[in-house]
N, C-alpha and C. Protein backbone atom coordinates (compact mmCIF):
# COMPACT_ATOMS: atom_id res chain seq x y z
N MET A 1 99.00 89.12 92.45
CA MET A 1 100.44 89.17 92.39
C MET A 1 100.89 90.55 91.92
N LEU A 2 101.82 91.13 92.65
CA LEU A 2 102.33 92.45 92.31
C LEU A 2 103.56 92.34 91.44
N THR A 3 103.63 93.15 90.40
CA THR A 3 104.83 93.18 89.58
C THR A 3 105.78 94.28 90.03
N ASP A 4 105.26 95.29 90.72
CA ASP A 4 106.10 96.39 91.20
C ASP A 4 105.70 96.76 92.63
N PRO A 5 106.28 96.10 93.63
CA PRO A 5 105.89 96.37 95.01
C PRO A 5 106.24 97.77 95.50
N ILE A 6 107.29 98.38 94.94
CA ILE A 6 107.65 99.74 95.37
C ILE A 6 106.61 100.74 94.87
N ALA A 7 106.11 100.55 93.64
CA ALA A 7 105.05 101.42 93.13
C ALA A 7 103.79 101.25 93.96
N ASP A 8 103.51 100.01 94.40
CA ASP A 8 102.37 99.76 95.28
C ASP A 8 102.53 100.51 96.60
N MET A 9 103.74 100.49 97.15
CA MET A 9 104.02 101.22 98.40
C MET A 9 103.77 102.72 98.23
N LEU A 10 104.30 103.29 97.15
CA LEU A 10 104.14 104.71 96.91
C LEU A 10 102.67 105.07 96.69
N SER A 11 101.92 104.20 96.01
CA SER A 11 100.50 104.46 95.79
C SER A 11 99.72 104.41 97.10
N ARG A 12 100.06 103.47 97.97
CA ARG A 12 99.38 103.40 99.27
C ARG A 12 99.65 104.64 100.11
N ILE A 13 100.90 105.11 100.10
CA ILE A 13 101.23 106.34 100.84
C ILE A 13 100.50 107.53 100.23
N ARG A 14 100.52 107.63 98.90
CA ARG A 14 99.86 108.74 98.19
C ARG A 14 98.37 108.76 98.48
N ASN A 15 97.71 107.59 98.43
CA ASN A 15 96.28 107.52 98.67
C ASN A 15 95.92 107.83 100.12
N ALA A 16 96.69 107.31 101.07
CA ALA A 16 96.43 107.58 102.48
C ALA A 16 96.65 109.07 102.79
N ASN A 17 97.66 109.66 102.16
CA ASN A 17 97.95 111.08 102.36
C ASN A 17 96.81 111.94 101.79
N LYS A 18 96.31 111.56 100.62
CA LYS A 18 95.21 112.31 100.01
C LYS A 18 93.93 112.23 100.82
N ALA A 19 93.69 111.07 101.45
CA ALA A 19 92.49 110.87 102.26
C ALA A 19 92.69 111.33 103.70
N LEU A 20 93.86 111.91 104.01
CA LEU A 20 94.20 112.42 105.34
C LEU A 20 94.15 111.33 106.41
N HIS A 21 94.55 110.12 106.07
CA HIS A 21 94.64 109.04 107.05
C HIS A 21 95.88 109.24 107.91
N GLU A 22 95.87 108.65 109.10
CA GLU A 22 97.01 108.74 110.00
C GLU A 22 98.13 107.78 109.59
N THR A 23 97.76 106.58 109.10
CA THR A 23 98.76 105.57 108.76
C THR A 23 98.48 104.98 107.39
N ALA A 24 99.52 104.36 106.84
CA ALA A 24 99.42 103.57 105.62
C ALA A 24 100.06 102.22 105.92
N VAL A 25 99.35 101.13 105.66
CA VAL A 25 99.82 99.78 105.97
C VAL A 25 100.05 99.02 104.68
N MET A 26 101.18 98.29 104.61
CA MET A 26 101.53 97.53 103.41
C MET A 26 102.44 96.37 103.77
N PRO A 27 102.55 95.37 102.88
CA PRO A 27 103.53 94.30 103.12
C PRO A 27 104.94 94.88 103.16
N THR A 28 105.80 94.27 103.94
CA THR A 28 107.13 94.83 104.13
C THR A 28 108.21 94.09 103.35
N SER A 29 109.30 94.78 103.10
CA SER A 29 110.52 94.21 102.54
C SER A 29 111.67 95.12 102.98
N SER A 30 112.88 94.67 102.79
CA SER A 30 114.02 95.47 103.26
C SER A 30 114.15 96.77 102.47
N VAL A 31 113.84 96.74 101.17
CA VAL A 31 113.92 97.96 100.36
C VAL A 31 112.85 98.96 100.79
N LYS A 32 111.65 98.47 101.08
CA LYS A 32 110.57 99.35 101.54
C LYS A 32 110.93 99.97 102.89
N GLU A 33 111.55 99.19 103.77
CA GLU A 33 111.98 99.73 105.07
C GLU A 33 113.04 100.80 104.88
N ASP A 34 113.96 100.61 103.94
CA ASP A 34 114.98 101.62 103.66
C ASP A 34 114.36 102.90 103.10
N ILE A 35 113.38 102.75 102.23
CA ILE A 35 112.69 103.93 101.69
C ILE A 35 111.96 104.67 102.80
N ALA A 36 111.28 103.93 103.69
CA ALA A 36 110.58 104.55 104.82
C ALA A 36 111.57 105.25 105.75
N ARG A 37 112.74 104.65 105.95
CA ARG A 37 113.76 105.28 106.80
C ARG A 37 114.21 106.60 106.20
N LEU A 38 114.41 106.63 104.88
CA LEU A 38 114.81 107.88 104.22
C LEU A 38 113.70 108.93 104.28
N LEU A 39 112.44 108.50 104.11
CA LEU A 39 111.33 109.45 104.22
C LEU A 39 111.26 110.06 105.61
N LYS A 40 111.56 109.26 106.63
CA LYS A 40 111.57 109.78 108.00
C LYS A 40 112.75 110.73 108.22
N GLU A 41 113.93 110.36 107.73
CA GLU A 41 115.11 111.22 107.88
C GLU A 41 114.93 112.56 107.18
N GLU A 42 114.26 112.55 106.04
CA GLU A 42 114.04 113.78 105.27
C GLU A 42 112.86 114.59 105.80
N GLY A 43 112.10 114.04 106.75
CA GLY A 43 111.01 114.79 107.37
C GLY A 43 109.68 114.69 106.67
N TYR A 44 109.49 113.71 105.79
CA TYR A 44 108.23 113.57 105.07
C TYR A 44 107.19 112.76 105.84
N ILE A 45 107.64 111.85 106.70
CA ILE A 45 106.71 111.07 107.52
C ILE A 45 107.11 111.20 108.98
N ARG A 46 106.16 110.90 109.87
CA ARG A 46 106.43 111.01 111.30
C ARG A 46 107.24 109.82 111.80
N ASP A 47 106.82 108.61 111.42
CA ASP A 47 107.51 107.41 111.90
C ASP A 47 107.08 106.21 111.05
N PHE A 48 107.77 105.10 111.23
CA PHE A 48 107.40 103.83 110.61
C PHE A 48 107.77 102.70 111.55
N ARG A 49 107.06 101.58 111.40
CA ARG A 49 107.35 100.41 112.22
C ARG A 49 106.94 99.16 111.45
N VAL A 50 107.52 98.04 111.85
CA VAL A 50 107.18 96.75 111.26
C VAL A 50 106.40 95.97 112.30
N GLU A 51 105.17 95.60 111.95
CA GLU A 51 104.32 94.82 112.85
C GLU A 51 104.23 93.39 112.32
N THR A 52 104.40 92.44 113.22
CA THR A 52 104.28 91.04 112.81
C THR A 52 102.80 90.66 112.82
N GLY A 53 102.33 90.19 111.69
CA GLY A 53 100.92 89.79 111.57
C GLY A 53 100.77 88.29 111.65
N GLU A 54 99.56 87.82 111.42
CA GLU A 54 99.30 86.38 111.45
C GLU A 54 99.98 85.66 110.29
N THR A 55 99.92 86.25 109.11
CA THR A 55 100.48 85.58 107.94
C THR A 55 101.84 86.15 107.53
N HIS A 56 101.97 87.48 107.54
CA HIS A 56 103.22 88.11 107.10
C HIS A 56 103.40 89.43 107.83
N PRO A 57 104.65 89.91 107.96
CA PRO A 57 104.87 91.20 108.61
C PRO A 57 104.37 92.35 107.74
N ALA A 58 103.93 93.43 108.40
CA ALA A 58 103.40 94.59 107.69
C ALA A 58 104.19 95.83 108.08
N LEU A 59 104.43 96.69 107.11
CA LEU A 59 105.09 97.97 107.33
C LEU A 59 104.01 99.01 107.55
N VAL A 60 104.05 99.69 108.69
CA VAL A 60 103.08 100.72 109.02
C VAL A 60 103.80 102.06 108.99
N ILE A 61 103.35 102.96 108.12
CA ILE A 61 103.95 104.29 108.00
C ILE A 61 102.98 105.29 108.61
N VAL A 62 103.47 106.06 109.59
CA VAL A 62 102.67 107.09 110.24
C VAL A 62 102.93 108.39 109.48
N LEU A 63 101.88 108.91 108.85
CA LEU A 63 102.01 110.11 108.01
C LEU A 63 102.12 111.37 108.85
N LYS A 64 102.67 112.40 108.25
CA LYS A 64 102.91 113.66 108.94
C LYS A 64 102.10 114.77 108.27
N TYR A 65 101.46 115.58 109.10
CA TYR A 65 100.67 116.71 108.61
C TYR A 65 101.06 117.97 109.37
N GLY A 66 100.74 119.13 108.79
CA GLY A 66 101.03 120.40 109.45
C GLY A 66 99.99 120.71 110.51
N ARG A 67 100.07 121.92 111.07
CA ARG A 67 99.18 122.31 112.17
C ARG A 67 97.71 122.33 111.76
N SER A 68 97.41 122.82 110.58
CA SER A 68 96.02 122.87 110.13
C SER A 68 95.75 121.76 109.10
N ARG A 69 96.33 120.59 109.32
CA ARG A 69 96.15 119.39 108.50
C ARG A 69 96.61 119.56 107.05
N GLU A 70 97.56 120.47 106.79
CA GLU A 70 98.10 120.53 105.43
C GLU A 70 99.11 119.40 105.26
N ARG A 71 99.17 118.87 104.08
CA ARG A 71 99.99 117.70 103.81
C ARG A 71 101.47 118.07 103.69
N VAL A 72 102.33 117.24 104.27
CA VAL A 72 103.77 117.44 104.14
C VAL A 72 104.23 116.87 102.81
N ILE A 73 103.71 115.70 102.43
CA ILE A 73 104.03 115.10 101.13
C ILE A 73 103.05 115.65 100.10
N THR A 74 103.58 116.37 99.11
CA THR A 74 102.74 116.87 98.03
C THR A 74 102.49 115.77 97.01
N ASN A 75 103.55 115.05 96.65
CA ASN A 75 103.40 113.97 95.68
C ASN A 75 104.58 113.02 95.76
N LEU A 76 104.37 111.80 95.29
CA LEU A 76 105.41 110.78 95.14
C LEU A 76 105.34 110.28 93.71
N LYS A 77 106.49 110.13 93.06
CA LYS A 77 106.48 109.68 91.66
C LYS A 77 107.50 108.57 91.49
N ARG A 78 107.05 107.44 90.98
CA ARG A 78 107.94 106.32 90.69
C ARG A 78 108.67 106.64 89.40
N VAL A 79 109.99 106.56 89.40
CA VAL A 79 110.78 106.92 88.22
C VAL A 79 111.21 105.67 87.46
N SER A 80 112.00 104.82 88.09
CA SER A 80 112.48 103.61 87.45
C SER A 80 111.45 102.51 87.65
N LYS A 81 110.97 101.95 86.58
CA LYS A 81 109.92 100.93 86.63
C LYS A 81 110.48 99.60 86.14
N PRO A 82 109.79 98.49 86.40
CA PRO A 82 110.31 97.20 85.92
C PRO A 82 110.48 97.14 84.40
N GLY A 83 109.64 97.85 83.65
CA GLY A 83 109.75 97.83 82.20
C GLY A 83 110.79 98.78 81.65
N ARG A 84 111.16 99.79 82.44
CA ARG A 84 112.14 100.77 81.99
C ARG A 84 112.92 101.29 83.18
N ARG A 85 114.13 100.80 83.34
CA ARG A 85 114.99 101.22 84.44
C ARG A 85 115.66 102.54 84.09
N ILE A 86 115.74 103.44 85.07
CA ILE A 86 116.37 104.74 84.89
C ILE A 86 117.56 104.81 85.85
N TYR A 87 118.73 105.10 85.29
CA TYR A 87 119.95 105.18 86.10
C TYR A 87 120.51 106.59 86.02
N ALA A 88 121.22 106.98 87.08
CA ALA A 88 121.86 108.29 87.12
C ALA A 88 123.34 108.10 87.38
N ARG A 89 124.17 108.76 86.59
CA ARG A 89 125.61 108.71 86.81
C ARG A 89 125.98 109.64 87.95
N LYS A 90 127.19 109.46 88.48
CA LYS A 90 127.61 110.26 89.63
C LYS A 90 127.73 111.74 89.32
N ASP A 91 127.95 112.09 88.06
CA ASP A 91 128.07 113.50 87.70
C ASP A 91 126.77 114.08 87.13
N ARG A 92 125.70 113.27 87.04
CA ARG A 92 124.41 113.74 86.52
C ARG A 92 123.28 113.31 87.45
N MET A 93 123.31 113.76 88.69
CA MET A 93 122.29 113.40 89.69
C MET A 93 120.99 114.16 89.41
N PRO A 94 119.86 113.51 89.64
CA PRO A 94 118.57 114.19 89.40
C PRO A 94 118.28 115.25 90.46
N ARG A 95 117.65 116.33 90.05
CA ARG A 95 117.20 117.39 90.95
C ARG A 95 115.67 117.39 90.92
N VAL A 96 115.06 117.44 92.09
CA VAL A 96 113.61 117.45 92.20
C VAL A 96 113.19 118.85 92.62
N LEU A 97 112.42 119.51 91.79
CA LEU A 97 111.95 120.89 92.04
C LEU A 97 113.10 121.82 92.40
N GLY A 98 114.19 121.69 91.69
CA GLY A 98 115.34 122.56 91.92
C GLY A 98 115.97 122.39 93.29
N GLY A 99 115.88 121.21 93.85
CA GLY A 99 116.47 120.94 95.17
C GLY A 99 115.47 120.98 96.31
N MET A 100 114.22 121.32 96.03
CA MET A 100 113.20 121.39 97.09
C MET A 100 112.65 120.01 97.43
N GLY A 101 112.76 119.06 96.52
CA GLY A 101 112.29 117.70 96.77
C GLY A 101 113.46 116.75 96.97
N THR A 102 113.15 115.47 97.03
CA THR A 102 114.17 114.45 97.28
C THR A 102 114.05 113.35 96.24
N ALA A 103 115.20 112.92 95.72
CA ALA A 103 115.26 111.76 94.83
C ALA A 103 115.84 110.61 95.63
N ILE A 104 115.16 109.47 95.64
CA ILE A 104 115.64 108.29 96.35
C ILE A 104 116.23 107.34 95.33
N MET A 105 117.46 106.87 95.62
CA MET A 105 118.20 106.03 94.68
C MET A 105 118.65 104.73 95.33
N SER A 106 118.78 103.71 94.50
CA SER A 106 119.36 102.44 94.93
C SER A 106 120.77 102.39 94.36
N THR A 107 121.77 102.36 95.25
CA THR A 107 123.16 102.36 94.81
C THR A 107 123.85 101.08 95.27
N SER A 108 125.11 100.96 94.93
CA SER A 108 125.88 99.80 95.37
C SER A 108 126.13 99.84 96.87
N SER A 109 125.96 101.01 97.49
CA SER A 109 126.13 101.16 98.94
C SER A 109 124.80 101.17 99.67
N GLY A 110 123.71 100.80 99.00
CA GLY A 110 122.39 100.76 99.62
C GLY A 110 121.48 101.84 99.10
N VAL A 111 120.30 101.93 99.70
CA VAL A 111 119.31 102.93 99.30
C VAL A 111 119.63 104.25 100.00
N MET A 112 119.71 105.33 99.21
CA MET A 112 120.05 106.65 99.78
C MET A 112 119.47 107.75 98.90
N THR A 113 119.53 108.97 99.41
CA THR A 113 119.06 110.12 98.64
C THR A 113 120.12 110.49 97.60
N SER A 114 119.69 111.26 96.60
CA SER A 114 120.64 111.67 95.57
C SER A 114 121.71 112.60 96.13
N ARG A 115 121.38 113.38 97.17
CA ARG A 115 122.38 114.23 97.80
C ARG A 115 123.49 113.41 98.44
N SER A 116 123.10 112.34 99.16
CA SER A 116 124.09 111.47 99.79
C SER A 116 124.94 110.76 98.74
N ALA A 117 124.31 110.31 97.66
CA ALA A 117 125.05 109.64 96.59
C ALA A 117 126.02 110.60 95.92
N GLU A 118 125.61 111.85 95.75
CA GLU A 118 126.48 112.84 95.13
C GLU A 118 127.68 113.14 96.03
N GLU A 119 127.46 113.21 97.34
CA GLU A 119 128.56 113.43 98.27
C GLU A 119 129.56 112.28 98.25
N ARG A 120 129.05 111.05 98.12
CA ARG A 120 129.92 109.87 98.09
C ARG A 120 130.52 109.62 96.71
N GLY A 121 129.98 110.27 95.70
CA GLY A 121 130.50 110.11 94.34
C GLY A 121 130.11 108.81 93.69
N ILE A 122 128.87 108.36 93.93
CA ILE A 122 128.40 107.12 93.31
C ILE A 122 127.07 107.37 92.62
N GLY A 123 126.78 106.59 91.61
CA GLY A 123 125.51 106.67 90.89
C GLY A 123 124.68 105.44 91.18
N GLY A 124 123.52 105.35 90.54
CA GLY A 124 122.68 104.18 90.75
C GLY A 124 121.33 104.34 90.08
N GLU A 125 120.41 103.46 90.46
CA GLU A 125 119.06 103.46 89.90
C GLU A 125 118.18 104.45 90.66
N VAL A 126 117.49 105.31 89.94
CA VAL A 126 116.59 106.30 90.56
C VAL A 126 115.26 105.61 90.84
N ILE A 127 114.94 105.45 92.13
CA ILE A 127 113.72 104.74 92.52
C ILE A 127 112.50 105.65 92.40
N CYS A 128 112.55 106.82 93.08
CA CYS A 128 111.38 107.69 93.08
C CYS A 128 111.77 109.13 93.42
N PHE A 129 110.82 110.03 93.15
CA PHE A 129 110.92 111.43 93.54
C PHE A 129 109.86 111.71 94.58
N VAL A 130 110.22 112.50 95.60
CA VAL A 130 109.27 112.89 96.66
C VAL A 130 109.36 114.40 96.78
N TRP A 131 108.19 115.05 96.81
CA TRP A 131 108.16 116.49 97.08
C TRP A 131 106.87 116.87 97.75
């Protein structure tokens, strides 16, 4: 039984990226699909899809590498955890590597990057940092 499925997702992506695998497969949920959509929009992964399995649907993330197999994702860090939630106000958005990375947030308008939340003027829970 998993207590933090988003941390499990990030660990699977991190491990597959470190081992230079083409894909990372994990159980799916709507929040995980939203995070994968943001990773694709920001250019960190090539693609993602949901495959229906025998017992449950699986989220397949196709990782992205450079021309000489250098990694596009340097690291993923879970910020808000089940034991300690971290929130950001609309006027105090987190910056990842001075703007070079991406902060993914869960807001009242859905899952979005900190840049999008700042443009809309809303705050929320900081899910993870990607750089």
